[in-house]
Structures are given as structure tokens and as C-alpha cells.
PDB file of N, CA and C in Angstrom:
ATOM      1  N   UNK A   1      53.652  16.940  74.310  1.00  0.00           N
ATOM      2  CA  UNK A   1      54.383  15.738  73.940  1.00  0.00           C
ATOM      3  C   UNK A   1      53.458  14.655  73.407  1.00  0.00           C
ATOM      4  N   UNK A   2      52.160  14.820  73.591  1.00  0.00           N
ATOM      5  CA  UNK A   2      51.212  13.811  73.119  1.00  0.00           C
ATOM      6  C   UNK A   2      50.799  14.038  71.672  1.00  0.00           C
ATOM      7  N   UNK A   3      51.291  15.103  71.061  1.00  0.00           N
ATOM      8  CA  UNK A   3      50.939  15.419  69.686  1.00  0.00           C
ATOM      9  C   UNK A   3      51.597  14.431  68.730  1.00  0.00           C
ATOM     10  N   UNK A   4      50.963  14.197  67.615  1.00  0.00           N
ATOM     11  CA  UNK A   4      51.492  13.281  66.607  1.00  0.00           C
ATOM     12  C   UNK A   4      52.623  13.906  65.785  1.00  0.00           C
ATOM     13  N   UNK A   5      52.656  15.219  65.696  1.00  0.00           N
ATOM     14  CA  UNK A   5      53.644  15.914  64.881  1.00  0.00           C
ATOM     15  C   UNK A   5      55.010  15.908  65.579  1.00  0.00           C
ATOM     16  N   UNK A   6      56.012  15.428  64.875  1.00  0.00           N
ATOM     17  CA  UNK A   6      57.353  15.307  65.449  1.00  0.00           C
ATOM     18  C   UNK A   6      57.924  16.673  65.793  1.00  0.00           C
ATOM     19  N   UNK A   7      57.740  17.665  64.916  1.00  0.00           N
ATOM     20  CA  UNK A   7      58.326  18.981  65.181  1.00  0.00           C
ATOM     21  C   UNK A   7      57.727  19.625  66.427  1.00  0.00           C
ATOM     22  N   UNK A   8      56.482  19.333  66.733  1.00  0.00           N
ATOM     23  CA  UNK A   8      55.863  19.862  67.948  1.00  0.00           C
ATOM     24  C   UNK A   8      56.460  19.186  69.181  1.00  0.00           C
ATOM     25  N   UNK A   9      56.697  17.885  69.093  1.00  0.00           N
ATOM     26  CA  UNK A   9      57.337  17.167  70.201  1.00  0.00           C
ATOM     27  C   UNK A   9      58.749  17.694  70.441  1.00  0.00           C
ATOM     28  N   UNK A  10      59.490  17.908  69.367  1.00  0.00           N
ATOM     29  CA  UNK A  10      60.861  18.416  69.493  1.00  0.00           C
ATOM     30  C   UNK A  10      60.849  19.807  70.117  1.00  0.00           C
ATOM     31  N   UNK A  11      59.937  20.660  69.676  1.00  0.00           N
ATOM     32  CA  UNK A  11      59.824  21.996  70.263  1.00  0.00           C
ATOM     33  C   UNK A  11      59.478  21.926  71.748  1.00  0.00           C
ATOM     34  N   UNK A  12      58.648  20.975  72.135  1.00  0.00           N
ATOM     35  CA  UNK A  12      58.306  20.808  73.548  1.00  0.00           C
ATOM     36  C   UNK A  12      59.535  20.390  74.352  1.00  0.00           C
ATOM     37  N   UNK A  13      60.332  19.505  73.815  1.00  0.00           N
ATOM     38  CA  UNK A  13      61.561  19.065  74.497  1.00  0.00           C
ATOM     39  C   UNK A  13      62.507  20.249  74.669  1.00  0.00           C
ATOM     40  N   UNK A  14      62.572  21.111  73.697  1.00  0.00           N
ATOM     41  CA  UNK A  14      63.466  22.263  73.780  1.00  0.00           C
ATOM     42  C   UNK A  14      62.997  23.288  74.817  1.00  0.00           C
ATOM     43  N   UNK A  15      61.872  23.045  75.446  1.00  0.00           N
ATOM     44  CA  UNK A  15      61.393  23.900  76.537  1.00  0.00           C
ATOM     45  C   UNK A  15      61.676  23.276  77.907  1.00  0.00           C
ATOM     46  N   UNK A  16      62.562  22.280  77.940  1.00  0.00           N
ATOM     47  CA  UNK A  16      62.865  21.589  79.186  1.00  0.00           C
ATOM     48  C   UNK A  16      63.416  22.539  80.248  1.00  0.00           C
ATOM     49  N   UNK A  17      64.193  23.519  79.850  1.00  0.00           N
ATOM     50  CA  UNK A  17      64.741  24.464  80.812  1.00  0.00           C
ATOM     51  C   UNK A  17      63.617  25.209  81.538  1.00  0.00           C
ATOM     52  N   UNK A  18      62.606  25.603  80.800  1.00  0.00           N
ATOM     53  CA  UNK A  18      61.463  26.286  81.403  1.00  0.00           C
ATOM     54  C   UNK A  18      60.761  25.381  82.407  1.00  0.00           C
ATOM     55  N   UNK A  19      60.613  24.118  82.053  1.00  0.00           N
ATOM     56  CA  UNK A  19      59.971  23.163  82.952  1.00  0.00           C
ATOM     57  C   UNK A  19      60.796  23.001  84.224  1.00  0.00           C
ATOM     58  N   UNK A  20      62.100  22.825  84.077  1.00  0.00           N
ATOM     59  CA  UNK A  20      62.969  22.630  85.240  1.00  0.00           C
ATOM     60  C   UNK A  20      62.952  23.855  86.142  1.00  0.00           C
ATOM     61  N   UNK A  21      62.922  25.030  85.558  1.00  0.00           N
ATOM     62  CA  UNK A  21      62.868  26.255  86.362  1.00  0.00           C
ATOM     63  C   UNK A  21      61.517  26.425  87.056  1.00  0.00           C
ATOM     64  N   UNK A  22      60.491  25.761  86.545  1.00  0.00           N
ATOM     65  CA  UNK A  22      59.142  25.893  87.099  1.00  0.00           C
ATOM     66  C   UNK A  22      58.848  24.901  88.223  1.00  0.00           C
ATOM     67  N   UNK A  23      59.640  23.846  88.314  1.00  0.00           N
ATOM     68  CA  UNK A  23      59.394  22.834  89.343  1.00  0.00           C
ATOM     69  C   UNK A  23      60.589  22.763  90.284  1.00  0.00           C
ATOM     70  N   UNK A  24      60.375  22.164  91.439  1.00  0.00           N
ATOM     71  CA  UNK A  24      61.496  22.058  92.375  1.00  0.00           C
ATOM     72  C   UNK A  24      62.359  20.833  92.037  1.00  0.00           C
ATOM     73  N   UNK A  25      63.502  20.757  92.671  1.00  0.00           N
ATOM     74  CA  UNK A  25      64.466  19.696  92.359  1.00  0.00           C
ATOM     75  C   UNK A  25      63.927  18.301  92.645  1.00  0.00           C
ATOM     76  N   UNK A  26      63.113  18.167  93.669  1.00  0.00           N
ATOM     77  CA  UNK A  26      62.555  16.843  93.955  1.00  0.00           C
ATOM     78  C   UNK A  26      61.595  16.405  92.849  1.00  0.00           C
ATOM     79  N   UNK A  27      60.883  17.342  92.245  1.00  0.00           N
ATOM     80  CA  UNK A  27      59.977  17.012  91.144  1.00  0.00           C
ATOM     81  C   UNK A  27      60.751  16.606  89.894  1.00  0.00           C
ATOM     82  N   UNK A  28      61.949  17.153  89.732  1.00  0.00           N
ATOM     83  CA  UNK A  28      62.782  16.729  88.599  1.00  0.00           C
ATOM     84  C   UNK A  28      63.082  15.252  88.733  1.00  0.00           C
ATOM     85  N   UNK A  29      63.469  14.842  89.935  1.00  0.00           N
ATOM     86  CA  UNK A  29      63.817  13.443  90.164  1.00  0.00           C
ATOM     87  C   UNK A  29      62.597  12.533  90.161  1.00  0.00           C
ATOM     88  N   UNK A  30      61.526  12.974  90.790  1.00  0.00           N
ATOM     89  CA  UNK A  30      60.360  12.096  90.945  1.00  0.00           C
ATOM     90  C   UNK A  30      59.394  12.121  89.765  1.00  0.00           C
ATOM     91  N   UNK A  31      59.413  13.199  88.964  1.00  0.00           N
ATOM     92  CA  UNK A  31      58.446  13.309  87.873  1.00  0.00           C
ATOM     93  C   UNK A  31      59.083  13.443  86.494  1.00  0.00           C
ATOM     94  N   UNK A  32      60.027  14.370  86.350  1.00  0.00           N
ATOM     95  CA  UNK A  32      60.586  14.630  85.024  1.00  0.00           C
ATOM     96  C   UNK A  32      61.430  13.460  84.519  1.00  0.00           C
ATOM     97  N   UNK A  33      62.314  12.955  85.352  1.00  0.00           N
ATOM     98  CA  UNK A  33      63.183  11.853  84.920  1.00  0.00           C
ATOM     99  C   UNK A  33      62.362  10.613  84.540  1.00  0.00           C
ATOM    100  N   UNK A  34      61.407  10.174  85.369  1.00  0.00           N
ATOM    101  CA  UNK A  34      60.579   9.034  84.936  1.00  0.00           C
ATOM    102  C   UNK A  34      59.786   9.323  83.660  1.00  0.00           C
ATOM    103  N   UNK A  35      59.331  10.566  83.502  1.00  0.00           N
ATOM    104  CA  UNK A  35      58.616  10.931  82.282  1.00  0.00           C
ATOM    105  C   UNK A  35      59.531  10.801  81.065  1.00  0.00           C
ATOM    106  N   UNK A  36      60.756  11.314  81.178  1.00  0.00           N
ATOM    107  CA  UNK A  36      61.706  11.209  80.064  1.00  0.00           C
ATOM    108  C   UNK A  36      62.042   9.761  79.768  1.00  0.00           C
ATOM    109  N   UNK A  37      62.206   8.950  80.819  1.00  0.00           N
ATOM    110  CA  UNK A  37      62.507   7.532  80.616  1.00  0.00           C
ATOM    111  C   UNK A  37      61.379   6.820  79.884  1.00  0.00           C
ATOM    112  N   UNK A  38      60.146   7.125  80.249  1.00  0.00           N
ATOM    113  CA  UNK A  38      58.996   6.535  79.556  1.00  0.00           C
ATOM    114  C   UNK A  38      58.891   7.068  78.135  1.00  0.00           C
ATOM    115  N   UNK A  39      59.225   8.328  77.964  1.00  0.00           N
ATOM    116  CA  UNK A  39      59.139   8.972  76.659  1.00  0.00           C
ATOM    117  C   UNK A  39      60.094   8.342  75.650  1.00  0.00           C
ATOM    118  N   UNK A  40      61.281   7.997  76.077  1.00  0.00           N
ATOM    119  CA  UNK A  40      62.269   7.504  75.124  1.00  0.00           C
ATOM    120  C   UNK A  40      62.033   6.049  74.714  1.00  0.00           C
ATOM    121  N   UNK A  41      61.030   5.421  75.316  1.00  0.00           N
ATOM    122  CA  UNK A  41      60.726   4.040  74.950  1.00  0.00           C
ATOM    123  C   UNK A  41      60.321   3.896  73.485  1.00  0.00           C
ATOM    124  N   UNK A  42      59.469   4.773  73.006  1.00  0.00           N
ATOM    125  CA  UNK A  42      59.009   4.624  71.617  1.00  0.00           C
ATOM    126  C   UNK A  42      58.834   5.984  70.946  1.00  0.00           C
ATOM    127  N   UNK A  43      59.925   6.667  70.749  1.00  0.00           N
ATOM    128  CA  UNK A  43      59.890   7.959  70.073  1.00  0.00           C
ATOM    129  C   UNK A  43      60.773   7.928  68.832  1.00  0.00           C
ATOM    130  N   UNK A  44      60.516   8.881  67.959  1.00  0.00           N
ATOM    131  CA  UNK A  44      61.328   9.034  66.762  1.00  0.00           C
ATOM    132  C   UNK A  44      62.718   9.523  67.142  1.00  0.00           C
ATOM    133  N   UNK A  45      63.657   9.279  66.249  1.00  0.00           N
ATOM    134  CA  UNK A  45      65.042   9.648  66.497  1.00  0.00           C
ATOM    135  C   UNK A  45      65.215  11.147  66.728  1.00  0.00           C
ATOM    136  N   UNK A  46      64.411  11.968  66.058  1.00  0.00           N
ATOM    137  CA  UNK A  46      64.514  13.412  66.231  1.00  0.00           C
ATOM    138  C   UNK A  46      64.171  13.822  67.664  1.00  0.00           C
ATOM    139  N   UNK A  47      63.171  13.180  68.240  1.00  0.00           N
ATOM    140  CA  UNK A  47      62.776  13.469  69.615  1.00  0.00           C
ATOM    141  C   UNK A  47      63.859  12.994  70.579  1.00  0.00           C
ATOM    142  N   UNK A  48      64.391  11.816  70.341  1.00  0.00           N
ATOM    143  CA  UNK A  48      65.450  11.284  71.208  1.00  0.00           C
ATOM    144  C   UNK A  48      66.703  12.149  71.139  1.00  0.00           C
ATOM    145  N   UNK A  49      67.036  12.620  69.953  1.00  0.00           N
ATOM    146  CA  UNK A  49      68.177  13.524  69.797  1.00  0.00           C
ATOM    147  C   UNK A  49      67.945  14.798  70.610  1.00  0.00           C
ATOM    148  N   UNK A  50      66.725  15.339  70.527  1.00  0.00           N
ATOM    149  CA  UNK A  50      66.399  16.563  71.259  1.00  0.00           C
ATOM    150  C   UNK A  50      66.494  16.342  72.770  1.00  0.00           C
ATOM    151  N   UNK A  51      66.054  15.179  73.253  1.00  0.00           N
ATOM    152  CA  UNK A  51      66.150  14.867  74.681  1.00  0.00           C
ATOM    153  C   UNK A  51      67.617  14.845  75.105  1.00  0.00           C
ATOM    154  N   UNK A  52      68.444  14.145  74.353  1.00  0.00           N
ATOM    155  CA  UNK A  52      69.876  14.064  74.680  1.00  0.00           C
ATOM    156  C   UNK A  52      70.526  15.443  74.641  1.00  0.00           C
ATOM    157  N   UNK A  53      70.153  16.230  73.659  1.00  0.00           N
ATOM    158  CA  UNK A  53      70.715  17.573  73.512  1.00  0.00           C
ATOM    159  C   UNK A  53      70.303  18.477  74.678  1.00  0.00           C
ATOM    160  N   UNK A  54      69.037  18.461  75.024  1.00  0.00           N
ATOM    161  CA  UNK A  54      68.539  19.337  76.087  1.00  0.00           C
ATOM    162  C   UNK A  54      69.091  18.953  77.453  1.00  0.00           C
ATOM    163  N   UNK A  55      69.237  17.677  77.706  1.00  0.00           N
ATOM    164  CA  UNK A  55      69.828  17.266  78.986  1.00  0.00           C
ATOM    165  C   UNK A  55      71.231  17.850  79.105  1.00  0.00           C
ATOM    166  N   UNK A  56      71.965  17.873  78.005  1.00  0.00           N
ATOM    167  CA  UNK A  56      73.308  18.453  78.014  1.00  0.00           C
ATOM    168  C   UNK A  56      73.308  19.951  78.268  1.00  0.00           C
ATOM    169  N   UNK A  57      72.183  20.595  78.043  1.00  0.00           N
ATOM    170  CA  UNK A  57      72.073  22.042  78.267  1.00  0.00           C
ATOM    171  C   UNK A  57      71.530  22.389  79.653  1.00  0.00           C
ATOM    172  N   UNK A  58      70.639  21.552  80.189  1.00  0.00           N
ATOM    173  CA  UNK A  58      69.932  21.918  81.422  1.00  0.00           C
ATOM    174  C   UNK A  58      70.532  21.320  82.689  1.00  0.00           C
ATOM    175  N   UNK A  59      71.465  20.406  82.570  1.00  0.00           N
ATOM    176  CA  UNK A  59      71.979  19.759  83.779  1.00  0.00           C
ATOM    177  C   UNK A  59      72.571  20.731  84.786  1.00  0.00           C
ATOM    178  N   UNK A  60      73.142  21.904  84.385  1.00  0.00           N
ATOM    179  CA  UNK A  60      73.660  22.814  85.418  1.00  0.00           C
ATOM    180  C   UNK A  60      72.576  23.356  86.359  1.00  0.00           C
ATOM    181  N   UNK A  61      71.314  23.268  85.963  1.00  0.00           N
ATOM    182  CA  UNK A  61      70.222  23.772  86.789  1.00  0.00           C
ATOM    183  C   UNK A  61      69.878  22.836  87.950  1.00  0.00           C
ATOM    184  N   UNK A  62      70.396  21.614  87.902  1.00  0.00           N
ATOM    185  CA  UNK A  62      70.062  20.594  88.886  1.00  0.00           C
ATOM    186  C   UNK A  62      71.247  20.377  89.824  1.00  0.00           C
ATOM    187  N   UNK A  63      71.037  20.443  91.133  1.00  0.00           N
ATOM    188  CA  UNK A  63      72.157  20.231  92.060  1.00  0.00           C
ATOM    189  C   UNK A  63      72.790  18.842  91.937  1.00  0.00           C
ATOM    190  N   UNK A  64      71.956  17.809  91.788  1.00  0.00           N
ATOM    191  CA  UNK A  64      72.477  16.452  91.655  1.00  0.00           C
ATOM    192  C   UNK A  64      72.617  16.118  90.176  1.00  0.00           C
ATOM    193  N   UNK A  65      73.794  16.318  89.645  1.00  0.00           N
ATOM    194  CA  UNK A  65      74.044  16.121  88.215  1.00  0.00           C
ATOM    195  C   UNK A  65      73.892  14.660  87.782  1.00  0.00           C
ATOM    196  N   UNK A  66      73.937  13.739  88.734  1.00  0.00           N
ATOM    197  CA  UNK A  66      73.899  12.320  88.384  1.00  0.00           C
ATOM    198  C   UNK A  66      72.496  11.833  88.002  1.00  0.00           C
ATOM    199  N   UNK A  67      71.445  12.618  88.255  1.00  0.00           N
ATOM    200  CA  UNK A  67      70.089  12.138  87.995  1.00  0.00           C
ATOM    201  C   UNK A  67      69.839  11.870  86.507  1.00  0.00           C
ATOM    202  N   UNK A  68      70.558  12.559  85.645  1.00  0.00           N
ATOM    203  CA  UNK A  68      70.346  12.375  84.214  1.00  0.00           C
ATOM    204  C   UNK A  68      71.196  11.246  83.615  1.00  0.00           C
ATOM    205  N   UNK A  69      72.153  10.729  84.363  1.00  0.00           N
ATOM    206  CA  UNK A  69      73.071   9.735  83.817  1.00  0.00           C
ATOM    207  C   UNK A  69      72.381   8.471  83.309  1.00  0.00           C
ATOM    208  N   UNK A  70      71.462   7.852  84.055  1.00  0.00           N
ATOM    209  CA  UNK A  70      70.815   6.638  83.521  1.00  0.00           C
ATOM    210  C   UNK A  70      70.055   6.881  82.212  1.00  0.00           C
ATOM    211  N   UNK A  71      69.384   8.023  82.122  1.00  0.00           N
ATOM    212  CA  UNK A  71      68.650   8.340  80.888  1.00  0.00           C
ATOM    213  C   UNK A  71      69.613   8.501  79.720  1.00  0.00           C
ATOM    214  N   UNK A  72      70.700   9.209  79.943  1.00  0.00           N
ATOM    215  CA  UNK A  72      71.690   9.391  78.879  1.00  0.00           C
ATOM    216  C   UNK A  72      72.377   8.081  78.521  1.00  0.00           C
ATOM    217  N   UNK A  73      72.591   7.222  79.500  1.00  0.00           N
ATOM    218  CA  UNK A  73      73.182   5.913  79.206  1.00  0.00           C
ATOM    219  C   UNK A  73      72.274   5.108  78.285  1.00  0.00           C
ATOM    220  N   UNK A  74      70.967   5.167  78.541  1.00  0.00           N
ATOM    221  CA  UNK A  74      70.025   4.466  77.668  1.00  0.00           C
ATOM    222  C   UNK A  74      70.045   5.044  76.257  1.00  0.00           C
ATOM    223  N   UNK A  75      70.112   6.374  76.161  1.00  0.00           N
ATOM    224  CA  UNK A  75      70.166   7.006  74.838  1.00  0.00           C
ATOM    225  C   UNK A  75      71.484   6.702  74.133  1.00  0.00           C
ATOM    226  N   UNK A  76      72.550   6.553  74.898  1.00  0.00           N
ATOM    227  CA  UNK A  76      73.856   6.244  74.307  1.00  0.00           C
ATOM    228  C   UNK A  76      73.899   4.835  73.727  1.00  0.00           C
ATOM    229  N   UNK A  77      72.932   4.003  74.066  1.00  0.00           N
ATOM    230  CA  UNK A  77      72.848   2.641  73.528  1.00  0.00           C
ATOM    231  C   UNK A  77      71.874   2.536  72.354  1.00  0.00           C
ATOM    232  N   UNK A  78      71.326   3.648  71.937  1.00  0.00           N
ATOM    233  CA  UNK A  78      70.307   3.648  70.887  1.00  0.00           C
ATOM    234  C   UNK A  78      70.911   3.239  69.544  1.00  0.00           C
ATOM    235  N   UNK A  79      70.075   2.710  68.665  1.00  0.00           N
ATOM    236  CA  UNK A  79      70.525   2.255  67.350  1.00  0.00           C
ATOM    237  C   UNK A  79      71.015   3.385  66.455  1.00  0.00           C
ATOM    238  N   UNK A  80      70.369   4.538  66.541  1.00  0.00           N
ATOM    239  CA  UNK A  80      70.701   5.645  65.638  1.00  0.00           C
ATOM    240  C   UNK A  80      71.977   6.353  66.093  1.00  0.00           C
ATOM    241  N   UNK A  81      72.899   6.515  65.168  1.00  0.00           N
ATOM    242  CA  UNK A  81      74.209   7.091  65.466  1.00  0.00           C
ATOM    243  C   UNK A  81      74.127   8.501  66.020  1.00  0.00           C
ATOM    244  N   UNK A  82      73.311   9.363  65.429  1.00  0.00           N
ATOM    245  CA  UNK A  82      73.260  10.754  65.891  1.00  0.00           C
ATOM    246  C   UNK A  82      72.722  10.849  67.314  1.00  0.00           C
ATOM    247  N   UNK A  83      71.806   9.964  67.685  1.00  0.00           N
ATOM    248  CA  UNK A  83      71.281   9.950  69.052  1.00  0.00           C
ATOM    249  C   UNK A  83      72.382   9.513  70.009  1.00  0.00           C
ATOM    250  N   UNK A  84      73.099   8.449  69.655  1.00  0.00           N
ATOM    251  CA  UNK A  84      74.209   7.973  70.497  1.00  0.00           C
ATOM    252  C   UNK A  84      75.265   9.046  70.674  1.00  0.00           C
ATOM    253  N   UNK A  85      75.630   9.712  69.585  1.00  0.00           N
ATOM    254  CA  UNK A  85      76.669  10.744  69.656  1.00  0.00           C
ATOM    255  C   UNK A  85      76.241  11.920  70.518  1.00  0.00           C
ATOM    256  N   UNK A  86      74.991  12.349  70.385  1.00  0.00           N
ATOM    257  CA  UNK A  86      74.511  13.471  71.199  1.00  0.00           C
ATOM    258  C   UNK A  86      74.441  13.070  72.672  1.00  0.00           C
ATOM    259  N   UNK A  87      73.985  11.858  72.946  1.00  0.00           N
ATOM    260  CA  UNK A  87      73.942  11.386  74.333  1.00  0.00           C
ATOM    261  C   UNK A  87      75.347  11.320  74.916  1.00  0.00           C
ATOM    262  N   UNK A  88      76.301  10.864  74.121  1.00  0.00           N
ATOM    263  CA  UNK A  88      77.691  10.799  74.574  1.00  0.00           C
ATOM    264  C   UNK A  88      78.237  12.192  74.831  1.00  0.00           C
ATOM    265  N   UNK A  89      77.953  13.133  73.960  1.00  0.00           N
ATOM    266  CA  UNK A  89      78.389  14.521  74.169  1.00  0.00           C
ATOM    267  C   UNK A  89      77.830  15.083  75.469  1.00  0.00           C
ATOM    268  N   UNK A  90      76.562  14.829  75.727  1.00  0.00           N
ATOM    269  CA  UNK A  90      75.947  15.313  76.964  1.00  0.00           C
ATOM    270  C   UNK A  90      76.542  14.618  78.187  1.00  0.00           C
ATOM    271  N   UNK A  91      76.810  13.321  78.069  1.00  0.00           N
ATOM    272  CA  UNK A  91      77.462  12.604  79.168  1.00  0.00           C
ATOM    273  C   UNK A  91      78.832  13.194  79.479  1.00  0.00           C
ATOM    274  N   UNK A  92      79.580  13.513  78.446  1.00  0.00           N
ATOM    275  CA  UNK A  92      80.912  14.100  78.633  1.00  0.00           C
ATOM    276  C   UNK A  92      80.808  15.447  79.336  1.00  0.00           C
ATOM    277  N   UNK A  93      79.826  16.266  78.942  1.00  0.00           N
ATOM    278  CA  UNK A  93      79.628  17.573  79.590  1.00  0.00           C
ATOM    279  C   UNK A  93      79.339  17.396  81.080  1.00  0.00           C
ATOM    280  N   UNK A  94      78.414  16.481  81.390  1.00  0.00           N
ATOM    281  CA  UNK A  94      78.033  16.272  82.781  1.00  0.00           C
ATOM    282  C   UNK A  94      79.205  15.721  83.582  1.00  0.00           C
ATOM    283  N   UNK A  95      79.927  14.780  83.016  1.00  0.00           N
ATOM    284  CA  UNK A  95      81.048  14.167  83.732  1.00  0.00           C
ATOM    285  C   UNK A  95      82.140  15.166  84.069  1.00  0.00           C
ATOM    286  N   UNK A  96      82.229  16.248  83.328  1.00  0.00           N
ATOM    287  CA  UNK A  96      83.183  17.296  83.641  1.00  0.00           C
ATOM    288  C   UNK A  96      82.877  18.000  84.962  1.00  0.00           C
ATOM    289  N   UNK A  97      81.663  17.839  85.452  1.00  0.00           N
ATOM    290  CA  UNK A  97      81.230  18.464  86.703  1.00  0.00           C
ATOM    291  C   UNK A  97      81.154  17.463  87.860  1.00  0.00           C
ATOM    292  N   UNK A  98      81.462  16.211  87.598  1.00  0.00           N
ATOM    293  CA  UNK A  98      81.331  15.171  88.612  1.00  0.00           C
ATOM    294  C   UNK A  98      82.677  14.732  89.153  1.00  0.00           C
ATOM    295  N   UNK A  99      82.653  14.186  90.343  1.00  0.00           N
ATOM    296  CA  UNK A  99      83.879  13.608  90.904  1.00  0.00           C
ATOM    297  C   UNK A  99      84.074  12.213  90.292  1.00  0.00           C
ATOM    298  N   UNK A 100      85.249  11.668  90.461  1.00  0.00           N
ATOM    299  CA  UNK A 100      85.503  10.314  89.938  1.00  0.00           C
ATOM    300  C   UNK A 100      84.590   9.296  90.598  1.00  0.00           C
ATOM    301  N   UNK A 101      84.291   9.481  91.860  1.00  0.00           N
ATOM    302  CA  UNK A 101      83.390   8.562  92.563  1.00  0.00           C
ATOM    303  C   UNK A 101      81.987   8.587  91.954  1.00  0.00           C
ATOM    304  N   UNK A 102      81.515   9.776  91.596  1.00  0.00           N
ATOM    305  CA  UNK A 102      80.183   9.884  90.979  1.00  0.00           C
ATOM    306  C   UNK A 102      80.164   9.247  89.596  1.00  0.00           C
ATOM    307  N   UNK A 103      81.231   9.409  88.857  1.00  0.00           N
ATOM    308  CA  UNK A 103      81.309   8.850  87.509  1.00  0.00           C
ATOM    309  C   UNK A 103      81.322   7.341  87.597  1.00  0.00           C
TER     310      UNK A 103
END
């Protein structure tokens, strides 16, 4: 993710499932989520789109589906339309697995 090339960063994001399968659930909450939050501070739209897309794919691997909601909410407020739409799509997918109280 530290590479300057956007396509390399996007490819790294698309390996999020491998990362989640390699670490335990507490590490997802304590390490991966803060890393993603810091990452989305100053990234290109392609990287942000990939983050929103991958979260929508990997959330079933995590017992607590709500851990990704704040990150997706931040992406849903992004200036770029495609990033907002992808974040919204991922939010909708996750919300289908949550109770009304969690939502």
C-alpha cells in the first residue's frame, strides 16, 4: 500500500480477504479498521472505490458486521460519485445482515 503506483495499491486492496483470513477477528478491529481509516484520508478515488468494494465482499468473514460501518459511512460522504455509490452499495449489503437496532 506504500507504493506510488495506483494499480498496485488497488491490487493490494483486492487482497483484503486474504488478510482477514490470516488474522484473528480482534486484529481486524484493532489493526485493519484503523489502517483502512488512515488509508482513506488521502488516497486516489480508485483506491477508495476498491476499499468500498472489498468491504462489501469481505464483511461476511467478520462476526461483528458493524465494524465496517463507520469506514463505509466516511466513504459514502466522499466527493467522488462512484466512491459514494460503491460505499452505499456495500452499506446496503451489510445492513441486510443486521438487526434494526444495529442499523
